[in-house]
């Protein structure tokens, strides 16, 4: 398993190395690739078509803001990207999601949190720090919005799927937990996204947090 860490601070990269080694279950091993700039990260990604994950800092010396995230999304759409940031601003998390990130990990997170977050994304799920997303965000007509799953017009089974989706579970894990076929879970997820008025699972997590649904 190959994971690319793109961060211009060597201390951060060194600190993440032993954490990355814990991601895989024996006998599988993790190969940690490192880059200090956006350009170097792209070069490494191109040279490793079997790359499985990118951990990306948004503050790099050779590119501005979310341009790096956009670049990895455009160049390697099949490779999930997790933003690793020193900031813990809910607005920043939402922007990262809008640009295609499947996870957001504050650099202050404990190693166990980082390991679990990465495993979740690698399994097809998503990870957003609950302590950050619990911060209310202004939304249009939020005061009159739905406050419970049933107010969204979901069936009881769709509500179950939403609860697991909010926990970051992938379709495979949801199907296993609810004893449903993956195709059925996929249909339920589509109905949930439509009810929330969003297009992606991560946007669903954000929309639910804005509406007070947990």
Protein backbone atom coordinates (compact mmCIF):
# COMPACT_ATOMS: atom_id res chain seq x y z
CA UNK A 1 0.00 0.00 0.00
CA UNK A 2 1.40 3.39 -1.03
CA UNK A 3 0.43 6.62 0.72
CA UNK A 4 1.75 10.01 -0.37
CA UNK A 5 2.24 12.76 2.21
CA UNK A 6 2.54 16.25 0.71
CA UNK A 7 3.63 18.78 3.33
CA UNK A 8 6.41 21.36 3.27
CA UNK A 9 7.29 20.81 6.94
CA UNK A 10 9.78 17.99 7.39
CA UNK A 11 8.84 17.57 11.05
CA UNK A 12 5.23 16.88 10.07
CA UNK A 13 6.28 14.30 7.49
CA UNK A 14 8.62 12.63 9.97
CA UNK A 15 5.88 12.58 12.59
CA UNK A 16 3.41 10.96 10.21
CA UNK A 17 5.74 8.16 9.08
CA UNK A 18 5.27 5.85 12.09
CA UNK A 19 1.54 6.63 12.12
CA UNK A 20 1.22 5.61 8.46
CA UNK A 21 2.92 2.31 9.20
CA UNK A 22 -0.02 1.40 11.45
CA UNK A 23 -2.61 1.71 8.67
CA UNK A 24 -2.20 -1.68 7.04
CA UNK A 25 -2.97 -5.02 8.64
CA UNK A 26 -0.12 -7.59 8.54
CA UNK A 27 1.22 -9.01 6.31
CA UNK A 28 0.47 -5.93 4.19
CA UNK A 29 2.88 -3.04 4.61
CA UNK A 30 2.62 0.70 3.99
CA UNK A 31 5.13 2.51 1.83
CA UNK A 32 5.15 6.20 2.74
CA UNK A 33 6.07 8.55 -0.11
CA UNK A 34 6.88 12.16 0.73
CA UNK A 35 6.92 15.51 -1.03
CA UNK A 36 7.59 19.01 0.23
CA UNK A 37 5.97 20.82 -2.69
CA UNK A 38 2.95 20.45 -4.93
CA UNK A 39 5.11 19.91 -8.03
CA UNK A 40 7.11 17.17 -6.32
CA UNK A 41 3.90 15.53 -5.14
CA UNK A 42 2.49 15.43 -8.67
CA UNK A 43 5.73 13.94 -9.97
CA UNK A 44 5.65 11.18 -7.35
CA UNK A 45 1.97 10.47 -8.01
CA UNK A 46 2.61 10.12 -11.74
CA UNK A 47 5.48 7.72 -11.07
CA UNK A 48 3.31 5.54 -8.79
CA UNK A 49 0.11 4.47 -10.57
CA UNK A 50 -0.65 2.12 -7.66
CA UNK A 51 -0.88 5.05 -5.22
CA UNK A 52 -3.85 4.52 -2.87
CA UNK A 53 -4.10 7.74 -0.86
CA UNK A 54 -2.82 11.32 -0.67
CA UNK A 55 -2.50 13.29 2.57
CA UNK A 56 -2.33 16.93 1.51
CA UNK A 57 -1.46 20.11 3.36
CA UNK A 58 -3.14 23.17 1.84
CA UNK A 59 -0.26 25.56 2.59
CA UNK A 60 2.49 24.69 0.13
CA UNK A 61 5.23 27.04 -1.12
CA UNK A 62 4.58 26.60 -4.86
CA UNK A 63 0.78 26.83 -5.07
CA UNK A 64 -2.08 28.66 -3.42
CA UNK A 65 -4.90 27.29 -1.31
CA UNK A 66 -7.18 24.72 -2.84
CA UNK A 67 -5.41 24.72 -6.21
CA UNK A 68 -3.32 21.79 -5.02
CA UNK A 69 -6.41 19.81 -4.05
CA UNK A 70 -8.01 20.63 -7.41
CA UNK A 71 -4.84 19.53 -9.18
CA UNK A 72 -4.75 16.12 -7.51
CA UNK A 73 -8.49 15.68 -8.11
CA UNK A 74 -8.09 16.44 -11.82
CA UNK A 75 -4.91 14.45 -12.34
CA UNK A 76 -5.73 11.42 -10.20
CA UNK A 77 -9.51 11.22 -9.79
CA UNK A 78 -9.40 7.62 -8.53
CA UNK A 79 -7.03 8.42 -5.65
CA UNK A 80 -8.77 9.71 -2.50
CA UNK A 81 -7.34 12.86 -0.91
CA UNK A 82 -7.43 13.72 2.78
CA UNK A 83 -6.60 17.28 3.76
CA UNK A 84 -4.26 17.49 6.76
CA UNK A 85 -4.34 20.99 8.22
CA UNK A 86 -3.13 22.99 11.17
CA UNK A 87 -6.41 24.93 11.08
CA UNK A 88 -9.69 23.75 12.57
CA UNK A 89 -12.10 26.18 10.93
CA UNK A 90 -15.48 24.62 9.95
CA UNK A 91 -15.60 26.86 6.87
CA UNK A 92 -12.24 25.47 5.76
CA UNK A 93 -13.53 21.92 6.18
CA UNK A 94 -16.57 22.70 4.06
CA UNK A 95 -14.40 24.25 1.36
CA UNK A 96 -12.17 21.17 1.32
CA UNK A 97 -15.23 18.99 0.84
CA UNK A 98 -16.51 21.23 -1.96
CA UNK A 99 -13.17 20.75 -3.71
CA UNK A 100 -13.43 16.97 -3.48
CA UNK A 101 -11.59 15.96 -0.30
CA UNK A 102 -12.89 12.75 1.28
CA UNK A 103 -11.50 13.60 4.69
CA UNK A 104 -10.13 16.40 6.85
CA UNK A 105 -7.67 15.68 9.67
CA UNK A 106 -6.41 18.45 11.98
CA UNK A 107 -2.69 18.13 12.63
CA UNK A 108 -3.46 18.24 16.35
CA UNK A 109 -5.28 14.90 16.13
CA UNK A 110 -4.04 11.93 18.14
CA UNK A 111 -2.30 9.20 16.17
CA UNK A 112 -5.16 6.75 16.82
CA UNK A 113 -7.63 9.24 15.34
CA UNK A 114 -5.45 9.67 12.26
CA UNK A 115 -5.12 5.92 11.78
CA UNK A 116 -8.87 5.32 12.10
CA UNK A 117 -9.69 8.25 9.81
CA UNK A 118 -7.38 6.97 7.07
CA UNK A 119 -8.67 3.42 7.37
CA UNK A 120 -12.21 4.76 7.07
CA UNK A 121 -11.45 6.65 3.85
CA UNK A 122 -9.52 3.71 2.38
CA UNK A 123 -12.56 1.49 3.02
CA UNK A 124 -14.74 3.85 0.98
CA UNK A 125 -16.04 5.98 3.82
CA UNK A 126 -15.48 9.63 4.72
CA UNK A 127 -13.99 11.37 7.74
CA UNK A 128 -14.79 14.81 9.11
CA UNK A 129 -13.86 15.76 12.69
CA UNK A 130 -17.10 15.88 14.66
CA UNK A 131 -15.79 18.43 17.13
CA UNK A 132 -15.29 20.87 14.25
CA UNK A 133 -18.45 20.10 12.32
CA UNK A 134 -20.52 20.45 15.48
CA UNK A 135 -20.00 24.21 15.16
CA UNK A 136 -23.19 25.73 13.72
CA UNK A 137 -22.96 27.22 10.25
CA UNK A 138 -25.27 29.83 8.76
CA UNK A 139 -27.65 28.42 6.15
CA UNK A 140 -30.64 29.76 4.31
CA UNK A 141 -33.89 29.08 6.16
CA UNK A 142 -32.00 27.02 8.75
CA UNK A 143 -34.48 27.93 11.47
CA UNK A 144 -37.32 26.30 9.57
CA UNK A 145 -35.32 23.33 8.35
CA UNK A 146 -35.87 19.70 9.39
CA UNK A 147 -34.52 18.79 12.84
CA UNK A 148 -35.00 15.04 12.79
CA UNK A 149 -34.48 12.32 10.25
CA UNK A 150 -38.20 11.61 9.92
CA UNK A 151 -38.80 15.27 9.02
CA UNK A 152 -36.79 14.66 5.85
CA UNK A 153 -39.43 12.23 4.62
CA UNK A 154 -37.12 9.23 4.94
CA UNK A 155 -38.33 5.70 5.58
CA UNK A 156 -37.11 4.04 8.80
CA UNK A 157 -34.55 2.02 6.82
CA UNK A 158 -33.30 5.12 5.02
CA UNK A 159 -32.96 6.80 8.42
CA UNK A 160 -30.81 3.85 9.54
CA UNK A 161 -28.65 4.29 6.45
CA UNK A 162 -28.30 8.02 7.11
CA UNK A 163 -27.20 7.37 10.71
CA UNK A 164 -24.44 5.04 9.50
CA UNK A 165 -23.51 7.39 6.67
CA UNK A 166 -23.05 10.16 9.24
CA UNK A 167 -20.69 7.81 11.10
CA UNK A 168 -18.59 7.71 7.94
CA UNK A 169 -19.42 4.10 7.03
CA UNK A 170 -18.96 2.91 3.45
CA UNK A 171 -21.77 1.20 1.52
CA UNK A 172 -20.11 -2.15 2.14
CA UNK A 173 -20.00 -1.62 5.91
CA UNK A 174 -23.57 -0.31 5.94
CA UNK A 175 -24.81 -3.34 4.02
CA UNK A 176 -22.99 -5.62 6.44
CA UNK A 177 -24.37 -3.89 9.52
CA UNK A 178 -27.96 -3.66 8.25
CA UNK A 179 -27.83 -7.03 6.46
CA UNK A 180 -28.83 -5.48 3.15
CA UNK A 181 -27.56 -5.98 -0.39
CA UNK A 182 -25.06 -3.31 -1.48
CA UNK A 183 -27.37 -2.38 -4.36
CA UNK A 184 -30.17 -1.72 -1.89
CA UNK A 185 -27.87 0.39 0.27
CA UNK A 186 -26.79 2.36 -2.80
CA UNK A 187 -30.44 3.15 -3.57
CA UNK A 188 -31.07 4.21 0.03
CA UNK A 189 -28.00 6.46 -0.02
CA UNK A 190 -29.22 8.07 -3.25
CA UNK A 191 -32.60 8.76 -1.59
CA UNK A 192 -30.87 10.25 1.47
CA UNK A 193 -28.69 12.55 -0.65
CA UNK A 194 -31.76 13.72 -2.56
CA UNK A 195 -33.66 14.40 0.68
CA UNK A 196 -30.76 16.50 1.97
CA UNK A 197 -30.39 18.30 -1.36
CA UNK A 198 -26.75 17.31 -1.81
CA UNK A 199 -24.71 15.29 -4.28
CA UNK A 200 -22.00 13.60 -2.21
CA UNK A 201 -21.70 11.70 1.05
CA UNK A 202 -19.41 14.29 2.60
CA UNK A 203 -21.81 17.08 1.70
CA UNK A 204 -24.50 15.02 3.41
CA UNK A 205 -22.50 14.98 6.63
CA UNK A 206 -22.15 18.75 6.50
CA UNK A 207 -25.83 19.31 5.63
CA UNK A 208 -26.93 17.07 8.48
CA UNK A 209 -24.68 18.88 10.97
CA UNK A 210 -26.16 22.21 9.88
CA UNK A 211 -29.66 20.85 10.49
CA UNK A 212 -28.79 19.43 13.89
CA UNK A 213 -29.17 15.82 12.73
CA UNK A 214 -26.75 13.39 14.37
